[in-house]
Amino acid sequence: MATLQVRNLPEHIYRRIAERARSKRSNITQETIYLLQKALDMNEHRRQQRDLLVDQMMTTAPPGGNQWPDPVLMVREDRER
């Protein structure tokens, strides 16, 4: 397993991680790994959503022949499902 060393970590971030770890009866290392994995998964999920939206916009014929669908409306519609 790899080792990661973080230098010059702001004290307030360290305290927040330590507090989260204590509240979960975990340790700082486990909580840091959990938070990093969660952030990476979230970024990947957002990238996939963006790619799907772009693909859909590029393969869908514009309504009225001259305008693409509004992506904001598409995201809102998707959230309401």
C-alpha atoms as a PDB file:
ATOM      1  CA  MET A   1       0.000   0.000   0.000  1.00  0.00           C
ATOM      2  CA  ALA A   2       1.259   3.478  -0.843  1.00  0.00           C
ATOM      3  CA  THR A   3       2.119   6.137   1.722  1.00  0.00           C
ATOM      4  CA  LEU A   4       1.115   9.770   1.413  1.00  0.00           C
ATOM      5  CA  GLN A   5       2.697  12.551   3.421  1.00  0.00           C
ATOM      6  CA  VAL A   6       1.058  15.958   3.506  1.00  0.00           C
ATOM      7  CA  ARG A   7       3.155  18.930   4.515  1.00  0.00           C
ATOM      8  CA  ASN A   8       1.911  22.332   5.617  1.00  0.00           C
ATOM      9  CA  LEU A   9      -1.646  21.123   6.154  1.00  0.00           C
ATOM     10  CA  PRO A  10      -3.648  24.035   7.564  1.00  0.00           C
ATOM     11  CA  GLU A  11      -4.482  23.479  11.207  1.00  0.00           C
ATOM     12  CA  HIS A  12      -8.215  24.050  10.720  1.00  0.00           C
ATOM     13  CA  ILE A  13      -8.379  21.232   8.132  1.00  0.00           C
ATOM     14  CA  TYR A  14      -6.490  18.866  10.419  1.00  0.00           C
ATOM     15  CA  ARG A  15      -8.855  19.702  13.302  1.00  0.00           C
ATOM     16  CA  ARG A  16     -11.939  19.066  11.153  1.00  0.00           C
ATOM     17  CA  ILE A  17     -10.613  15.687  10.009  1.00  0.00           C
ATOM     18  CA  ALA A  18      -9.705  14.778  13.573  1.00  0.00           C
ATOM     19  CA  GLU A  19     -13.176  15.770  14.809  1.00  0.00           C
ATOM     20  CA  ARG A  20     -14.864  13.696  12.083  1.00  0.00           C
ATOM     21  CA  ALA A  21     -12.672  10.721  12.927  1.00  0.00           C
ATOM     22  CA  ARG A  22     -13.462  11.003  16.649  1.00  0.00           C
ATOM     23  CA  SER A  23     -17.200  11.268  15.987  1.00  0.00           C
ATOM     24  CA  LYS A  24     -17.052   8.081  13.890  1.00  0.00           C
ATOM     25  CA  ARG A  25     -14.770   6.307  16.371  1.00  0.00           C
ATOM     26  CA  SER A  26     -12.196   6.073  13.606  1.00  0.00           C
ATOM     27  CA  ASN A  27      -8.674   7.370  13.209  1.00  0.00           C
ATOM     28  CA  ILE A  28      -7.348  10.298  11.201  1.00  0.00           C
ATOM     29  CA  THR A  29      -5.772   8.078   8.557  1.00  0.00           C
ATOM     30  CA  GLN A  30      -8.963   6.141   7.881  1.00  0.00           C
ATOM     31  CA  GLU A  31     -11.042   9.321   7.792  1.00  0.00           C
ATOM     32  CA  THR A  32      -8.599  11.029   5.399  1.00  0.00           C
ATOM     33  CA  ILE A  33      -8.701   8.031   3.045  1.00  0.00           C
ATOM     34  CA  TYR A  34     -12.507   8.053   3.192  1.00  0.00           C
ATOM     35  CA  LEU A  35     -12.706  11.790   2.409  1.00  0.00           C
ATOM     36  CA  LEU A  36     -10.227  11.555  -0.469  1.00  0.00           C
ATOM     37  CA  GLN A  37     -12.094   8.618  -2.005  1.00  0.00           C
ATOM     38  CA  LYS A  38     -15.421  10.394  -1.633  1.00  0.00           C
ATOM     39  CA  ALA A  39     -14.050  13.537  -3.335  1.00  0.00           C
ATOM     40  CA  LEU A  40     -12.536  11.530  -6.187  1.00  0.00           C
ATOM     41  CA  ASP A  41     -15.763   9.596  -6.742  1.00  0.00           C
ATOM     42  CA  MET A  42     -17.761  12.821  -6.753  1.00  0.00           C
ATOM     43  CA  ASN A  43     -15.462  14.398  -9.349  1.00  0.00           C
ATOM     44  CA  GLU A  44     -15.698  11.303 -11.542  1.00  0.00           C
ATOM     45  CA  HIS A  45     -19.492  11.278 -11.245  1.00  0.00           C
ATOM     46  CA  ARG A  46     -19.693  14.957 -12.226  1.00  0.00           C
ATOM     47  CA  ARG A  47     -17.411  14.352 -15.224  1.00  0.00           C
ATOM     48  CA  GLN A  48     -19.591  11.468 -16.369  1.00  0.00           C
ATOM     49  CA  GLN A  49     -22.742  13.580 -16.031  1.00  0.00           C
ATOM     50  CA  ARG A  50     -21.165  16.391 -18.039  1.00  0.00           C
ATOM     51  CA  ASP A  51     -20.037  13.992 -20.762  1.00  0.00           C
ATOM     52  CA  LEU A  52     -23.511  12.445 -20.993  1.00  0.00           C
ATOM     53  CA  LEU A  53     -25.121  15.865 -21.244  1.00  0.00           C
ATOM     54  CA  VAL A  54     -22.714  16.969 -23.980  1.00  0.00           C
ATOM     55  CA  ASP A  55     -23.285  13.713 -25.891  1.00  0.00           C
ATOM     56  CA  GLN A  56     -27.041  14.135 -25.618  1.00  0.00           C
ATOM     57  CA  MET A  57     -26.876  17.729 -26.821  1.00  0.00           C
ATOM     58  CA  MET A  58     -24.669  16.786 -29.757  1.00  0.00           C
ATOM     59  CA  THR A  59     -26.869  13.889 -30.901  1.00  0.00           C
ATOM     60  CA  THR A  60     -30.241  15.587 -30.361  1.00  0.00           C
ATOM     61  CA  ALA A  61     -31.584  17.704 -33.169  1.00  0.00           C
ATOM     62  CA  PRO A  62     -32.111  21.291 -32.056  1.00  0.00           C
ATOM     63  CA  PRO A  63     -35.792  22.124 -31.489  1.00  0.00           C
ATOM     64  CA  GLY A  64     -37.090  24.433 -34.194  1.00  0.00           C
ATOM     65  CA  GLY A  65     -33.991  23.693 -36.198  1.00  0.00           C
ATOM     66  CA  ASN A  66     -31.914  26.531 -34.776  1.00  0.00           C
ATOM     67  CA  GLN A  67     -31.510  26.214 -30.987  1.00  0.00           C
ATOM     68  CA  TRP A  68     -30.010  23.587 -28.701  1.00  0.00           C
ATOM     69  CA  PRO A  69     -31.836  22.559 -25.534  1.00  0.00           C
ATOM     70  CA  ASP A  70     -31.057  24.669 -22.492  1.00  0.00           C
ATOM     71  CA  PRO A  71     -28.732  22.534 -20.328  1.00  0.00           C
ATOM     72  CA  VAL A  72     -30.003  24.177 -17.138  1.00  0.00           C
ATOM     73  CA  LEU A  73     -33.546  23.082 -17.929  1.00  0.00           C
ATOM     74  CA  MET A  74     -32.318  19.593 -18.778  1.00  0.00           C
ATOM     75  CA  VAL A  75     -30.516  19.251 -15.443  1.00  0.00           C
ATOM     76  CA  ARG A  76     -33.570  20.527 -13.551  1.00  0.00           C
ATOM     77  CA  GLU A  77     -35.791  18.067 -15.399  1.00  0.00           C
ATOM     78  CA  ASP A  78     -33.402  15.226 -14.565  1.00  0.00           C
ATOM     79  CA  ARG A  79     -33.370  16.189 -10.870  1.00  0.00           C
ATOM     80  CA  GLU A  80     -37.174  16.136 -10.745  1.00  0.00           C
ATOM     81  CA  ARG A  81     -37.312  12.492 -11.870  1.00  0.00           C
END
